[in-house]
C-alpha atoms as a PDB file:
ATOM      1  CA  MET A   1       0.000   0.000   0.000  1.00  0.00           C
ATOM      2  CA  PRO A   2       1.444   3.454  -0.906  1.00  0.00           C
ATOM      3  CA  PRO A   3       2.407   5.900   1.878  1.00  0.00           C
ATOM      4  CA  ILE A   4      -0.480   7.960   3.197  1.00  0.00           C
ATOM      5  CA  ALA A   5      -0.720  11.646   2.276  1.00  0.00           C
ATOM      6  CA  LEU A   6      -0.810  14.261   5.045  1.00  0.00           C
ATOM      7  CA  PRO A   7      -1.106  17.594   3.218  1.00  0.00           C
ATOM      8  CA  HIS A   8      -2.679  19.369   6.195  1.00  0.00           C
ATOM      9  CA  ASP A   9      -0.736  20.221   9.361  1.00  0.00           C
ATOM     10  CA  ALA A  10      -2.163  20.063  12.902  1.00  0.00           C
ATOM     11  CA  LYS A  11       0.897  21.748  14.477  1.00  0.00           C
ATOM     12  CA  ALA A  12       1.413  18.527  16.434  1.00  0.00           C
ATOM     13  CA  GLY A  13       2.477  15.080  15.314  1.00  0.00           C
ATOM     14  CA  PRO A  14       2.062  13.206  13.111  1.00  0.00           C
ATOM     15  CA  THR A  15       3.082   9.852  14.534  1.00  0.00           C
ATOM     16  CA  LYS A  16       6.236   8.954  12.598  1.00  0.00           C
ATOM     17  CA  PRO A  17       5.871   6.321   9.825  1.00  0.00           C
ATOM     18  CA  GLU A  18       8.238   3.897  11.552  1.00  0.00           C
ATOM     19  CA  VAL A  19       6.263   4.169  14.793  1.00  0.00           C
ATOM     20  CA  ARG A  20       2.998   3.688  12.919  1.00  0.00           C
ATOM     21  CA  ALA A  21       4.410   0.491  11.429  1.00  0.00           C
ATOM     22  CA  VAL A  22       4.905  -0.940  14.933  1.00  0.00           C
ATOM     23  CA  VAL A  23       1.459   0.285  16.006  1.00  0.00           C
ATOM     24  CA  ARG A  24      -0.054  -1.514  12.994  1.00  0.00           C
ATOM     25  CA  SER A  25       1.738  -4.700  13.942  1.00  0.00           C
ATOM     26  CA  LYS A  26       0.568  -4.619  17.555  1.00  0.00           C
ATOM     27  CA  LEU A  27      -3.046  -3.747  16.699  1.00  0.00           C
ATOM     28  CA  ALA A  28      -3.242  -6.429  13.976  1.00  0.00           C
ATOM     29  CA  LEU A  29      -6.460  -4.965  12.571  1.00  0.00           C
ATOM     30  CA  GLU A  30      -8.807  -7.212  10.629  1.00  0.00           C
ATOM     31  CA  PRO A  31     -11.525  -6.250   8.101  1.00  0.00           C
ATOM     32  CA  ASP A  32     -14.320  -6.817  10.622  1.00  0.00           C
ATOM     33  CA  ASP A  33     -12.675  -4.911  13.503  1.00  0.00           C
ATOM     34  CA  HIS A  34     -13.985  -1.732  15.094  1.00  0.00           C
ATOM     35  CA  PHE A  35     -10.986   0.478  15.837  1.00  0.00           C
ATOM     36  CA  ALA A  36     -11.150   3.387  18.304  1.00  0.00           C
ATOM     37  CA  GLU A  37      -8.573   6.149  18.618  1.00  0.00           C
ATOM     38  CA  VAL A  38      -8.023   8.789  21.279  1.00  0.00           C
ATOM     39  CA  GLY A  39      -6.329  11.924  19.924  1.00  0.00           C
ATOM     40  CA  SER A  40      -6.554  11.736  16.122  1.00  0.00           C
ATOM     41  CA  CYS A  41      -4.608  14.976  15.511  1.00  0.00           C
ATOM     42  CA  THR A  42      -3.306  14.852  11.897  1.00  0.00           C
ATOM     43  CA  GLY A  43      -5.226  11.643  11.263  1.00  0.00           C
ATOM     44  CA  ALA A  44      -2.161   9.560  10.381  1.00  0.00           C
ATOM     45  CA  VAL A  45      -3.139   6.586  12.551  1.00  0.00           C
ATOM     46  CA  THR A  46      -6.824   7.126  11.740  1.00  0.00           C
ATOM     47  CA  ILE A  47      -6.149   6.800   8.028  1.00  0.00           C
ATOM     48  CA  GLU A  48      -3.967   3.703   8.325  1.00  0.00           C
ATOM     49  CA  ALA A  49      -6.584   2.050  10.534  1.00  0.00           C
ATOM     50  CA  ALA A  50      -9.296   2.981   8.044  1.00  0.00           C
ATOM     51  CA  GLN A  51      -7.337   1.138   5.348  1.00  0.00           C
ATOM     52  CA  ARG A  52      -7.558  -2.096   7.336  1.00  0.00           C
ATOM     53  CA  ALA A  53     -10.482  -2.135   9.793  1.00  0.00           C
ATOM     54  CA  GLY A  54     -14.193  -2.284   9.069  1.00  0.00           C
ATOM     55  CA  ARG A  55     -15.131   0.635  11.317  1.00  0.00           C
ATOM     56  CA  VAL A  56     -13.123   3.489  12.834  1.00  0.00           C
ATOM     57  CA  THR A  57     -14.151   5.877  15.598  1.00  0.00           C
ATOM     58  CA  ALA A  58     -11.625   8.670  16.131  1.00  0.00           C
ATOM     59  CA  LEU A  59     -11.845  11.177  18.985  1.00  0.00           C
ATOM     60  CA  GLU A  60     -10.141  14.567  19.101  1.00  0.00           C
ATOM     61  CA  ARG A  61     -10.877  17.173  21.757  1.00  0.00           C
ATOM     62  CA  LYS A  62      -9.583  20.144  19.734  1.00  0.00           C
ATOM     63  CA  PRO A  63     -11.950  21.151  16.894  1.00  0.00           C
ATOM     64  CA  GLU A  64      -9.157  22.526  14.698  1.00  0.00           C
ATOM     65  CA  ARG A  65      -7.236  19.265  14.924  1.00  0.00           C
ATOM     66  CA  LEU A  66     -10.368  17.252  14.175  1.00  0.00           C
ATOM     67  CA  GLU A  67     -10.797  19.394  11.070  1.00  0.00           C
ATOM     68  CA  THR A  68      -7.239  18.504  10.060  1.00  0.00           C
ATOM     69  CA  THR A  69      -8.038  14.816  10.566  1.00  0.00           C
ATOM     70  CA  GLU A  70     -11.072  15.197   8.326  1.00  0.00           C
ATOM     71  CA  LYS A  71      -9.120  16.966   5.570  1.00  0.00           C
ATOM     72  CA  ASN A  72      -6.284  14.435   5.579  1.00  0.00           C
ATOM     73  CA  LEU A  73      -8.795  11.600   5.603  1.00  0.00           C
ATOM     74  CA  ALA A  74     -10.406  13.097   2.487  1.00  0.00           C
ATOM     75  CA  ALA A  75      -6.975  13.303   0.835  1.00  0.00           C
ATOM     76  CA  ASN A  76      -6.678   9.526   1.218  1.00  0.00           C
ATOM     77  CA  ALA A  77     -10.265   8.655   0.306  1.00  0.00           C
ATOM     78  CA  GLU A  78      -9.227   6.223  -2.444  1.00  0.00           C
ATOM     79  CA  THR A  79      -7.507   3.872   0.010  1.00  0.00           C
ATOM     80  CA  VAL A  80      -9.981   4.118   2.893  1.00  0.00           C
ATOM     81  CA  ARG A  81     -12.196   1.050   3.233  1.00  0.00           C
ATOM     82  CA  ALA A  82     -13.725   1.567   6.684  1.00  0.00           C
ATOM     83  CA  GLU A  83     -16.805   3.367   7.886  1.00  0.00           C
ATOM     84  CA  VAL A  84     -15.223   6.315   9.734  1.00  0.00           C
ATOM     85  CA  GLY A  85     -16.786   8.365  12.517  1.00  0.00           C
ATOM     86  CA  LEU A  86     -14.972  11.475  13.773  1.00  0.00           C
ATOM     87  CA  ARG A  87     -16.005  12.860  17.152  1.00  0.00           C
ATOM     88  CA  ASN A  88     -15.096  16.158  18.806  1.00  0.00           C
ATOM     89  CA  ALA A  89     -14.974  14.768  22.332  1.00  0.00           C
ATOM     90  CA  GLU A  90     -12.628  14.345  25.266  1.00  0.00           C
ATOM     91  CA  ALA A  91     -12.146  10.686  26.114  1.00  0.00           C
ATOM     92  CA  PRO A  92     -13.492   8.598  27.647  1.00  0.00           C
ATOM     93  CA  GLU A  93     -16.647  10.461  26.595  1.00  0.00           C
ATOM     94  CA  GLY A  94     -17.496   9.481  23.046  1.00  0.00           C
ATOM     95  CA  LEU A  95     -15.670   6.159  23.058  1.00  0.00           C
ATOM     96  CA  PRO A  96     -17.659   3.254  21.604  1.00  0.00           C
ATOM     97  CA  ASP A  97     -18.653   0.284  23.744  1.00  0.00           C
ATOM     98  CA  ASP A  98     -17.872  -2.313  21.076  1.00  0.00           C
ATOM     99  CA  ALA A  99     -14.306  -1.503  20.022  1.00  0.00           C
ATOM    100  CA  ASP A 100     -12.022  -4.434  19.214  1.00  0.00           C
ATOM    101  CA  ALA A 101      -8.853  -2.329  19.224  1.00  0.00           C
ATOM    102  CA  LEU A 102      -7.913   0.953  20.881  1.00  0.00           C
ATOM    103  CA  PHE A 103      -5.020   3.360  20.306  1.00  0.00           C
ATOM    104  CA  LEU A 104      -4.098   6.160  22.714  1.00  0.00           C
ATOM    105  CA  GLY A 105      -1.931   8.734  20.982  1.00  0.00           C
ATOM    106  CA  GLY A 106      -1.597  10.891  24.089  1.00  0.00           C
ATOM    107  CA  SER A 107      -1.642  10.661  27.854  1.00  0.00           C
ATOM    108  CA  ARG A 108      -4.534  12.969  28.742  1.00  0.00           C
ATOM    109  CA  ASN A 109      -7.135  11.153  30.907  1.00  0.00           C
ATOM    110  CA  PHE A 110      -5.449   7.864  30.054  1.00  0.00           C
ATOM    111  CA  GLU A 111      -6.482   6.158  33.310  1.00  0.00           C
ATOM    112  CA  ALA A 112     -10.172   6.847  32.656  1.00  0.00           C
ATOM    113  CA  VAL A 113      -9.727   5.636  29.080  1.00  0.00           C
ATOM    114  CA  LEU A 114      -8.144   2.409  30.333  1.00  0.00           C
ATOM    115  CA  ASP A 115     -11.042   1.954  32.777  1.00  0.00           C
ATOM    116  CA  HIS A 116     -13.419   2.209  29.832  1.00  0.00           C
ATOM    117  CA  ALA A 117     -11.335  -0.313  27.882  1.00  0.00           C
ATOM    118  CA  VAL A 118     -11.532  -2.758  30.786  1.00  0.00           C
ATOM    119  CA  GLU A 119     -15.287  -2.261  31.198  1.00  0.00           C
ATOM    120  CA  THR A 120     -15.894  -2.866  27.485  1.00  0.00           C
ATOM    121  CA  GLU A 121     -13.296  -5.662  27.208  1.00  0.00           C
ATOM    122  CA  VAL A 122     -11.243  -4.175  24.367  1.00  0.00           C
ATOM    123  CA  ASP A 123      -9.126  -6.944  22.880  1.00  0.00           C
ATOM    124  CA  ARG A 124      -6.075  -4.945  21.730  1.00  0.00           C
ATOM    125  CA  ILE A 125      -4.809  -1.766  23.394  1.00  0.00           C
ATOM    126  CA  VAL A 126      -1.791   0.282  22.340  1.00  0.00           C
ATOM    127  CA  MET A 127      -0.617   3.493  23.983  1.00  0.00           C
ATOM    128  CA  ASN A 128       2.299   5.633  22.791  1.00  0.00           C
ATOM    129  CA  VAL A 129       4.210   7.813  25.264  1.00  0.00           C
ATOM    130  CA  SER A 130       7.200  10.071  24.668  1.00  0.00           C
ATOM    131  CA  ARG A 131       7.990  11.134  28.253  1.00  0.00           C
ATOM    132  CA  LEU A 132       9.718   8.790  30.684  1.00  0.00           C
ATOM    133  CA  GLU A 133       7.722   9.814  33.758  1.00  0.00           C
ATOM    134  CA  VAL A 134       4.411   9.360  31.957  1.00  0.00           C
ATOM    135  CA  ALA A 135       5.574   5.995  30.626  1.00  0.00           C
ATOM    136  CA  GLY A 136       6.188   4.860  34.202  1.00  0.00           C
ATOM    137  CA  ARG A 137       2.732   5.959  35.361  1.00  0.00           C
ATOM    138  CA  ALA A 138       1.095   4.380  32.324  1.00  0.00           C
ATOM    139  CA  THR A 139       2.911   1.086  32.879  1.00  0.00           C
ATOM    140  CA  GLU A 140       1.644   0.973  36.448  1.00  0.00           C
ATOM    141  CA  ALA A 141      -1.889   1.839  35.280  1.00  0.00           C
ATOM    142  CA  PHE A 142      -1.844  -1.025  32.762  1.00  0.00           C
ATOM    143  CA  ARG A 143      -0.425  -3.403  35.375  1.00  0.00           C
ATOM    144  CA  GLU A 144      -2.928  -2.405  38.090  1.00  0.00           C
ATOM    145  CA  ARG A 145      -5.788  -3.201  35.715  1.00  0.00           C
ATOM    146  CA  GLY A 146      -4.281  -6.543  34.743  1.00  0.00           C
ATOM    147  CA  ILE A 147      -4.068  -5.647  31.059  1.00  0.00           C
ATOM    148  CA  LEU A 148      -0.321  -5.245  30.472  1.00  0.00           C
ATOM    149  CA  GLU A 149       1.232  -7.585  27.923  1.00  0.00           C
ATOM    150  CA  GLU A 150       4.449  -5.793  27.004  1.00  0.00           C
ATOM    151  CA  VAL A 151       6.312  -2.504  27.050  1.00  0.00           C
ATOM    152  CA  VAL A 152       8.422  -1.611  24.031  1.00  0.00           C
ATOM    153  CA  GLN A 153      10.954   1.218  23.898  1.00  0.00           C
ATOM    154  CA  PHE A 154      12.465   2.076  20.554  1.00  0.00           C
ATOM    155  CA  GLN A 155      14.247   4.875  18.756  1.00  0.00           C
ATOM    156  CA  VAL A 156      14.609   5.569  15.040  1.00  0.00           C
ATOM    157  CA  SER A 157      17.477   7.406  13.380  1.00  0.00           C
ATOM    158  CA  HIS A 158      17.428   8.894   9.889  1.00  0.00           C
ATOM    159  CA  GLY A 159      20.496   9.221   7.728  1.00  0.00           C
ATOM    160  CA  TYR A 160      21.609  12.491   6.156  1.00  0.00           C
ATOM    161  CA  GLU A 161      24.587  13.527   4.082  1.00  0.00           C
ATOM    162  CA  LEU A 162      27.476  15.045   5.979  1.00  0.00           C
ATOM    163  CA  ALA A 163      30.787  15.916   4.324  1.00  0.00           C
ATOM    164  CA  GLY A 164      30.196  13.453   1.517  1.00  0.00           C
ATOM    165  CA  ALA A 165      29.259  10.623   3.868  1.00  0.00           C
ATOM    166  CA  THR A 166      26.206   9.494   5.816  1.00  0.00           C
ATOM    167  CA  SER A 167      25.518  10.516   9.395  1.00  0.00           C
ATOM    168  CA  PHE A 168      22.399   9.950  11.466  1.00  0.00           C
ATOM    169  CA  GLU A 169      19.930  12.107  13.359  1.00  0.00           C
ATOM    170  CA  SER A 170      17.755  10.378  15.943  1.00  0.00           C
ATOM    171  CA  ASP A 171      14.084  10.940  16.748  1.00  0.00           C
ATOM    172  CA  ASN A 172      12.906  11.073  20.357  1.00  0.00           C
ATOM    173  CA  PRO A 173      12.450   7.625  21.929  1.00  0.00           C
ATOM    174  CA  VAL A 174       8.948   6.189  22.019  1.00  0.00           C
ATOM    175  CA  TYR A 175       7.540   4.038  24.798  1.00  0.00           C
ATOM    176  CA  MET A 176       4.767   1.764  23.582  1.00  0.00           C
ATOM    177  CA  LEU A 177       2.482  -0.068  25.997  1.00  0.00           C
ATOM    178  CA  VAL A 178       0.595  -3.032  24.639  1.00  0.00           C
ATOM    179  CA  GLY A 179      -2.220  -4.820  26.410  1.00  0.00           C
ATOM    180  CA  SER A 180      -5.564  -6.557  26.274  1.00  0.00           C
ATOM    181  CA  ALA A 181      -8.738  -6.348  28.340  1.00  0.00           C
ATOM    182  CA  SER A 182     -10.303  -9.435  26.823  1.00  0.00           C
ATOM    183  CA  PRO A 183     -11.454 -12.082  29.292  1.00  0.00           C
ATOM    184  CA  PRO A 184      -8.662 -14.658  29.695  1.00  0.00           C
ATOM    185  CA  ASP A 185      -8.921 -17.933  27.850  1.00  0.00           C
ATOM    186  CA  GLU A 186      -8.797 -20.504  30.648  1.00  0.00           C
ATOM    187  CA  GLU A 187      -7.414 -23.186  28.382  1.00  0.00           C
ATOM    188  CA  SER A 188      -4.708 -20.844  27.070  1.00  0.00           C
ATOM    189  CA  ASP A 189      -3.769 -19.717  30.591  1.00  0.00           C
ATOM    190  CA  GLU A 190      -3.204 -23.291  31.713  1.00  0.00           C
ATOM    191  CA  ASP A 191      -0.845 -23.919  28.827  1.00  0.00           C
ATOM    192  CA  ASP A 192       1.002 -20.613  29.029  1.00  0.00           C
ATOM    193  CA  GLY A 193       2.083 -20.432  32.648  1.00  0.00           C
ATOM    194  CA  LYS A 194       3.618 -16.995  32.143  1.00  0.00           C
ATOM    195  CA  THR A 195       3.065 -13.531  33.579  1.00  0.00           C
ATOM    196  CA  VAL A 196       4.253 -10.041  32.790  1.00  0.00           C
ATOM    197  CA  ALA A 197       7.572  -9.337  34.480  1.00  0.00           C
ATOM    198  CA  ALA A 198       8.347  -6.123  36.360  1.00  0.00           C
ATOM    199  CA  ASP A 199      10.127  -4.761  33.296  1.00  0.00           C
ATOM    200  CA  GLY A 200       7.133  -5.402  31.041  1.00  0.00           C
ATOM    201  CA  GLY A 201       8.597  -8.597  29.556  1.00  0.00           C
ATOM    202  CA  ARG A 202       7.483 -12.167  30.071  1.00  0.00           C
ATOM    203  CA  GLU A 203       8.606 -14.466  32.841  1.00  0.00           C
ATOM    204  CA  ALA A 204       7.727 -18.055  33.602  1.00  0.00           C
ATOM    205  CA  THR A 205       5.621 -18.756  36.674  1.00  0.00           C
ATOM    206  CA  ARG A 206       6.518 -22.429  36.806  1.00  0.00           C
END
């Protein structure tokens, strides 16, 4: 699929293409999925989700940013396959009760959003954080609700020409929290025998 077009600027974001690639992998959207997003901003994640899921509900609390989402979505209309609903709302207000996957692009009200995800048993949850302190609080919030599966920290560097050679400039690190609020599969739990370790990884319990 060709790269998405983002001709309109929201003066924030967008989520970098390399980060979006990891988000796509973790969300693993299917054609019959309902995807919900908190903080659509430029619409970069919204558009990529709309190319894969059946329905998309994107929330943005700032009207001007929601307008940018709408314009960029229109610029990619040929590749969008989902039914898309854009809502000017501050999460968790406006979130659907039947979402299969949820992406949090910011940390505002994230604990209330996670509570909603638990109540509605969202199967796949991904949250991106750029600040270390917030990442720590978010990790604890995921863990306290029993929904933490993994924490990923990664950094991307882009090459540029310097004195006839190639040097690299790095983007800010991204902390990605991945979880699920789906009811546990008893049969799967018996076979797995693993829990989330203190560092967000996996450790054997037997």
